[in-house]
Amino acid sequence: FIPESSPSSNPPPQKSRTGLVVGTVAAVIVAIGITVIISVLFLKQRKKKLLLASADE
């Protein structure tokens, strides 16, 4: 006997497709977020180096 809420029972195709889309969108958002954070940190580090370099002159 398999209850309706069990993951082993086949979900309707529409629902699984929506879940797939949501998962893909979430993955893309996370990837973009990580990229933005890395670039911001990288730019901040470069700006610090530039400021230090100009201070040395």
PDB file of N, CA and C in Angstrom:
ATOM      1  N   PHE A   1       0.849  -1.217   0.000  1.00  0.00           N
ATOM      2  CA  PHE A   1       0.000   0.000   0.000  1.00  0.00           C
ATOM      3  C   PHE A   1       0.871   1.248   0.000  1.00  0.00           C
ATOM      4  N   ILE A   2       0.640   2.149  -0.953  1.00  0.00           N
ATOM      5  CA  ILE A   2       1.442   3.378  -1.067  1.00  0.00           C
ATOM      6  C   ILE A   2       0.527   4.580  -0.836  1.00  0.00           C
ATOM      7  N   PRO A   3       0.791   5.378   0.198  1.00  0.00           N
ATOM      8  CA  PRO A   3      -0.006   6.598   0.416  1.00  0.00           C
ATOM      9  C   PRO A   3       0.252   7.623  -0.686  1.00  0.00           C
ATOM     10  N   GLU A   4      -0.713   8.510  -0.912  1.00  0.00           N
ATOM     11  CA  GLU A   4      -0.621   9.487  -2.006  1.00  0.00           C
ATOM     12  C   GLU A   4       0.590  10.407  -1.852  1.00  0.00           C
ATOM     13  N   SER A   5       0.916  10.788  -0.612  1.00  0.00           N
ATOM     14  CA  SER A   5       1.981  11.770  -0.382  1.00  0.00           C
ATOM     15  C   SER A   5       3.376  11.162  -0.514  1.00  0.00           C
ATOM     16  N   SER A   6       3.456   9.835  -0.648  1.00  0.00           N
ATOM     17  CA  SER A   6       4.758   9.177  -0.716  1.00  0.00           C
ATOM     18  C   SER A   6       5.494   9.534  -2.010  1.00  0.00           C
ATOM     19  N   PRO A   7       6.806   9.760  -1.938  1.00  0.00           N
ATOM     20  CA  PRO A   7       7.583  10.116  -3.145  1.00  0.00           C
ATOM     21  C   PRO A   7       7.623   8.988  -4.171  1.00  0.00           C
ATOM     22  N   SER A   8       7.436   7.718  -3.738  1.00  0.00           N
ATOM     23  CA  SER A   8       7.510   6.594  -4.672  1.00  0.00           C
ATOM     24  C   SER A   8       6.281   6.529  -5.572  1.00  0.00           C
ATOM     25  N   SER A   9       5.155   7.135  -5.169  1.00  0.00           N
ATOM     26  CA  SER A   9       3.990   7.193  -6.059  1.00  0.00           C
ATOM     27  C   SER A   9       4.265   8.238  -7.134  1.00  0.00           C
ATOM     28  N   ASN A  10       3.916   7.918  -8.389  1.00  0.00           N
ATOM     29  CA  ASN A  10       4.245   8.815  -9.497  1.00  0.00           C
ATOM     30  C   ASN A  10       3.448  10.113  -9.407  1.00  0.00           C
ATOM     31  N   PRO A  11       4.113  11.270  -9.348  1.00  0.00           N
ATOM     32  CA  PRO A  11       3.399  12.549  -9.335  1.00  0.00           C
ATOM     33  C   PRO A  11       2.871  12.862 -10.725  1.00  0.00           C
ATOM     34  N   PRO A  12       1.869  13.729 -10.860  1.00  0.00           N
ATOM     35  CA  PRO A  12       1.400  14.131 -12.190  1.00  0.00           C
ATOM     36  C   PRO A  12       2.533  14.811 -12.961  1.00  0.00           C
ATOM     37  N   PRO A  13       2.620  14.610 -14.282  1.00  0.00           N
ATOM     38  CA  PRO A  13       3.725  15.178 -15.072  1.00  0.00           C
ATOM     39  C   PRO A  13       3.815  16.695 -14.917  1.00  0.00           C
ATOM     40  N   GLN A  14       2.654  17.359 -14.850  1.00  0.00           N
ATOM     41  CA  GLN A  14       2.651  18.816 -14.739  1.00  0.00           C
ATOM     42  C   GLN A  14       3.403  19.259 -13.486  1.00  0.00           C
ATOM     43  N   LYS A  15       3.121  18.569 -12.372  1.00  0.00           N
ATOM     44  CA  LYS A  15       3.727  18.952 -11.102  1.00  0.00           C
ATOM     45  C   LYS A  15       5.245  18.748 -11.155  1.00  0.00           C
ATOM     46  N   SER A  16       5.683  17.593 -11.690  1.00  0.00           N
ATOM     47  CA  SER A  16       7.114  17.315 -11.734  1.00  0.00           C
ATOM     48  C   SER A  16       7.818  18.299 -12.671  1.00  0.00           C
ATOM     49  N   ARG A  17       7.135  18.677 -13.749  1.00  0.00           N
ATOM     50  CA  ARG A  17       7.731  19.640 -14.680  1.00  0.00           C
ATOM     51  C   ARG A  17       7.897  20.991 -13.987  1.00  0.00           C
ATOM     52  N   THR A  18       6.867  21.408 -13.241  1.00  0.00           N
ATOM     53  CA  THR A  18       6.951  22.672 -12.497  1.00  0.00           C
ATOM     54  C   THR A  18       8.106  22.610 -11.501  1.00  0.00           C
ATOM     55  N   GLY A  19       8.223  21.481 -10.802  1.00  0.00           N
ATOM     56  CA  GLY A  19       9.309  21.318  -9.841  1.00  0.00           C
ATOM     57  C   GLY A  19      10.664  21.417 -10.523  1.00  0.00           C
ATOM     58  N   LEU A  20      10.761  20.822 -11.704  1.00  0.00           N
ATOM     59  CA  LEU A  20      12.017  20.861 -12.463  1.00  0.00           C
ATOM     60  C   LEU A  20      12.356  22.297 -12.848  1.00  0.00           C
ATOM     61  N   VAL A  21      11.346  23.035 -13.324  1.00  0.00           N
ATOM     62  CA  VAL A  21      11.565  24.434 -13.722  1.00  0.00           C
ATOM     63  C   VAL A  21      11.990  25.257 -12.516  1.00  0.00           C
ATOM     64  N   VAL A  22      11.266  25.077 -11.399  1.00  0.00           N
ATOM     65  CA  VAL A  22      11.602  25.826 -10.182  1.00  0.00           C
ATOM     66  C   VAL A  22      13.030  25.510  -9.749  1.00  0.00           C
ATOM     67  N   GLY A  23      13.403  24.233  -9.792  1.00  0.00           N
ATOM     68  CA  GLY A  23      14.754  23.839  -9.409  1.00  0.00           C
ATOM     69  C   GLY A  23      15.804  24.450 -10.324  1.00  0.00           C
ATOM     70  N   THR A  24      15.528  24.462 -11.622  1.00  0.00           N
ATOM     71  CA  THR A  24      16.461  25.046 -12.593  1.00  0.00           C
ATOM     72  C   THR A  24      16.613  26.541 -12.353  1.00  0.00           C
ATOM     73  N   VAL A  25      15.476  27.220 -12.181  1.00  0.00           N
ATOM     74  CA  VAL A  25      15.514  28.669 -11.934  1.00  0.00           C
ATOM     75  C   VAL A  25      16.288  28.961 -10.655  1.00  0.00           C
ATOM     76  N   ALA A  26      16.022  28.180  -9.608  1.00  0.00           N
ATOM     77  CA  ALA A  26      16.725  28.376  -8.338  1.00  0.00           C
ATOM     78  C   ALA A  26      18.230  28.187  -8.532  1.00  0.00           C
ATOM     79  N   ALA A  27      18.623  27.150  -9.277  1.00  0.00           N
ATOM     80  CA  ALA A  27      20.042  26.893  -9.522  1.00  0.00           C
ATOM     81  C   ALA A  27      20.681  28.053 -10.281  1.00  0.00           C
ATOM     82  N   VAL A  28      19.960  28.589 -11.277  1.00  0.00           N
ATOM     83  CA  VAL A  28      20.485  29.718 -12.060  1.00  0.00           C
ATOM     84  C   VAL A  28      20.652  30.941 -11.164  1.00  0.00           C
ATOM     85  N   ILE A  29      19.641  31.210 -10.324  1.00  0.00           N
ATOM     86  CA  ILE A  29      19.710  32.373  -9.425  1.00  0.00           C
ATOM     87  C   ILE A  29      20.893  32.229  -8.478  1.00  0.00           C
ATOM     88  N   VAL A  30      21.071  31.027  -7.923  1.00  0.00           N
ATOM     89  CA  VAL A  30      22.192  30.785  -7.005  1.00  0.00           C
ATOM     90  C   VAL A  30      23.518  31.000  -7.732  1.00  0.00           C
ATOM     91  N   ALA A  31      23.628  30.463  -8.948  1.00  0.00           N
ATOM     92  CA  ALA A  31      24.867  30.603  -9.723  1.00  0.00           C
ATOM     93  C   ALA A  31      25.169  32.073  -9.989  1.00  0.00           C
ATOM     94  N   ILE A  32      24.135  32.834 -10.396  1.00  0.00           N
ATOM     95  CA  ILE A  32      24.332  34.266 -10.663  1.00  0.00           C
ATOM     96  C   ILE A  32      24.734  34.980  -9.376  1.00  0.00           C
ATOM     97  N   GLY A  33      24.052  34.642  -8.280  1.00  0.00           N
ATOM     98  CA  GLY A  33      24.360  35.272  -6.997  1.00  0.00           C
ATOM     99  C   GLY A  33      25.806  35.035  -6.593  1.00  0.00           C
ATOM    100  N   ILE A  34      26.269  33.795  -6.720  1.00  0.00           N
ATOM    101  CA  ILE A  34      27.655  33.465  -6.366  1.00  0.00           C
ATOM    102  C   ILE A  34      28.617  34.249  -7.258  1.00  0.00           C
ATOM    103  N   THR A  35      28.320  34.304  -8.554  1.00  0.00           N
ATOM    104  CA  THR A  35      29.178  35.038  -9.492  1.00  0.00           C
ATOM    105  C   THR A  35      29.256  36.508  -9.109  1.00  0.00           C
ATOM    106  N   VAL A  36      28.103  37.104  -8.793  1.00  0.00           N
ATOM    107  CA  VAL A  36      28.072  38.525  -8.420  1.00  0.00           C
ATOM    108  C   VAL A  36      28.883  38.755  -7.153  1.00  0.00           C
ATOM    109  N   ILE A  37      28.686  37.889  -6.142  1.00  0.00           N
ATOM    110  CA  ILE A  37      29.413  38.042  -4.874  1.00  0.00           C
ATOM    111  C   ILE A  37      30.915  37.955  -5.120  1.00  0.00           C
ATOM    112  N   ILE A  38      31.340  36.966  -5.915  1.00  0.00           N
ATOM    113  CA  ILE A  38      32.773  36.794  -6.193  1.00  0.00           C
ATOM    114  C   ILE A  38      33.318  38.027  -6.914  1.00  0.00           C
ATOM    115  N   SER A  39      32.582  38.523  -7.917  1.00  0.00           N
ATOM    116  CA  SER A  39      33.082  39.689  -8.659  1.00  0.00           C
ATOM    117  C   SER A  39      33.142  40.914  -7.763  1.00  0.00           C
ATOM    118  N   VAL A  40      32.150  41.097  -6.885  1.00  0.00           N
ATOM    119  CA  VAL A  40      32.162  42.249  -5.973  1.00  0.00           C
ATOM    120  C   VAL A  40      33.368  42.160  -5.048  1.00  0.00           C
ATOM    121  N   LEU A  41      33.594  40.973  -4.466  1.00  0.00           N
ATOM    122  CA  LEU A  41      34.739  40.802  -3.571  1.00  0.00           C
ATOM    123  C   LEU A  41      36.040  41.031  -4.337  1.00  0.00           C
ATOM    124  N   PHE A  42      36.130  40.497  -5.554  1.00  0.00           N
ATOM    125  CA  PHE A  42      37.330  40.635  -6.373  1.00  0.00           C
ATOM    126  C   PHE A  42      37.592  42.107  -6.679  1.00  0.00           C
ATOM    127  N   LEU A  43      36.540  42.841  -7.058  1.00  0.00           N
ATOM    128  CA  LEU A  43      36.694  44.263  -7.378  1.00  0.00           C
ATOM    129  C   LEU A  43      37.106  45.042  -6.138  1.00  0.00           C
ATOM    130  N   LYS A  44      36.525  44.702  -4.981  1.00  0.00           N
ATOM    131  CA  LYS A  44      36.896  45.394  -3.746  1.00  0.00           C
ATOM    132  C   LYS A  44      38.376  45.183  -3.457  1.00  0.00           C
ATOM    133  N   GLN A  45      38.846  43.937  -3.625  1.00  0.00           N
ATOM    134  CA  GLN A  45      40.261  43.639  -3.371  1.00  0.00           C
ATOM    135  C   GLN A  45      41.144  44.429  -4.338  1.00  0.00           C
ATOM    136  N   ARG A  46      40.745  44.495  -5.615  1.00  0.00           N
ATOM    137  CA  ARG A  46      41.531  45.242  -6.599  1.00  0.00           C
ATOM    138  C   ARG A  46      41.554  46.719  -6.243  1.00  0.00           C
ATOM    139  N   LYS A  47      40.394  47.254  -5.815  1.00  0.00           N
ATOM    140  CA  LYS A  47      40.342  48.667  -5.444  1.00  0.00           C
ATOM    141  C   LYS A  47      41.272  48.936  -4.268  1.00  0.00           C
ATOM    142  N   LYS A  48      41.280  48.029  -3.280  1.00  0.00           N
ATOM    143  CA  LYS A  48      42.177  48.185  -2.132  1.00  0.00           C
ATOM    144  C   LYS A  48      43.627  48.208  -2.607  1.00  0.00           C
ATOM    145  N   LYS A  49      43.978  47.290  -3.505  1.00  0.00           N
ATOM    146  CA  LYS A  49      45.351  47.230  -4.018  1.00  0.00           C
ATOM    147  C   LYS A  49      45.692  48.519  -4.762  1.00  0.00           C
ATOM    148  N   LEU A  50      44.741  49.023  -5.566  1.00  0.00           N
ATOM    149  CA  LEU A  50      44.982  50.261  -6.308  1.00  0.00           C
ATOM    150  C   LEU A  50      45.168  51.424  -5.347  1.00  0.00           C
ATOM    151  N   LEU A  51      44.329  51.481  -4.297  1.00  0.00           N
ATOM    152  CA  LEU A  51      44.447  52.562  -3.316  1.00  0.00           C
ATOM    153  C   LEU A  51      45.793  52.476  -2.604  1.00  0.00           C
ATOM    154  N   LEU A  52      46.207  51.261  -2.237  1.00  0.00           N
ATOM    155  CA  LEU A  52      47.496  51.085  -1.574  1.00  0.00           C
ATOM    156  C   LEU A  52      48.627  51.489  -2.514  1.00  0.00           C
ATOM    157  N   ALA A  53      48.520  51.117  -3.783  1.00  0.00           N
ATOM    158  CA  ALA A  53      49.559  51.446  -4.760  1.00  0.00           C
ATOM    159  C   ALA A  53      49.661  52.957  -4.929  1.00  0.00           C
ATOM    160  N   SER A  54      48.512  53.641  -5.017  1.00  0.00           N
ATOM    161  CA  SER A  54      48.546  55.096  -5.204  1.00  0.00           C
ATOM    162  C   SER A  54      49.038  55.778  -3.928  1.00  0.00           C
ATOM    163  N   ALA A  55      48.778  55.185  -2.764  1.00  0.00           N
ATOM    164  CA  ALA A  55      49.246  55.766  -1.506  1.00  0.00           C
ATOM    165  C   ALA A  55      50.768  55.646  -1.401  1.00  0.00           C
ATOM    166  N   ASP A  56      51.323  54.579  -1.963  1.00  0.00           N
ATOM    167  CA  ASP A  56      52.769  54.368  -1.895  1.00  0.00           C
ATOM    168  C   ASP A  56      53.526  55.399  -2.730  1.00  0.00           C
ATOM    169  N   GLU A  57      52.909  55.866  -3.822  1.00  0.00           N
ATOM    170  CA  GLU A  57      53.633  56.761  -4.729  1.00  0.00           C
ATOM    171  C   GLU A  57      53.901  58.110  -4.085  1.00  0.00           C
TER     172      GLU A  57
END
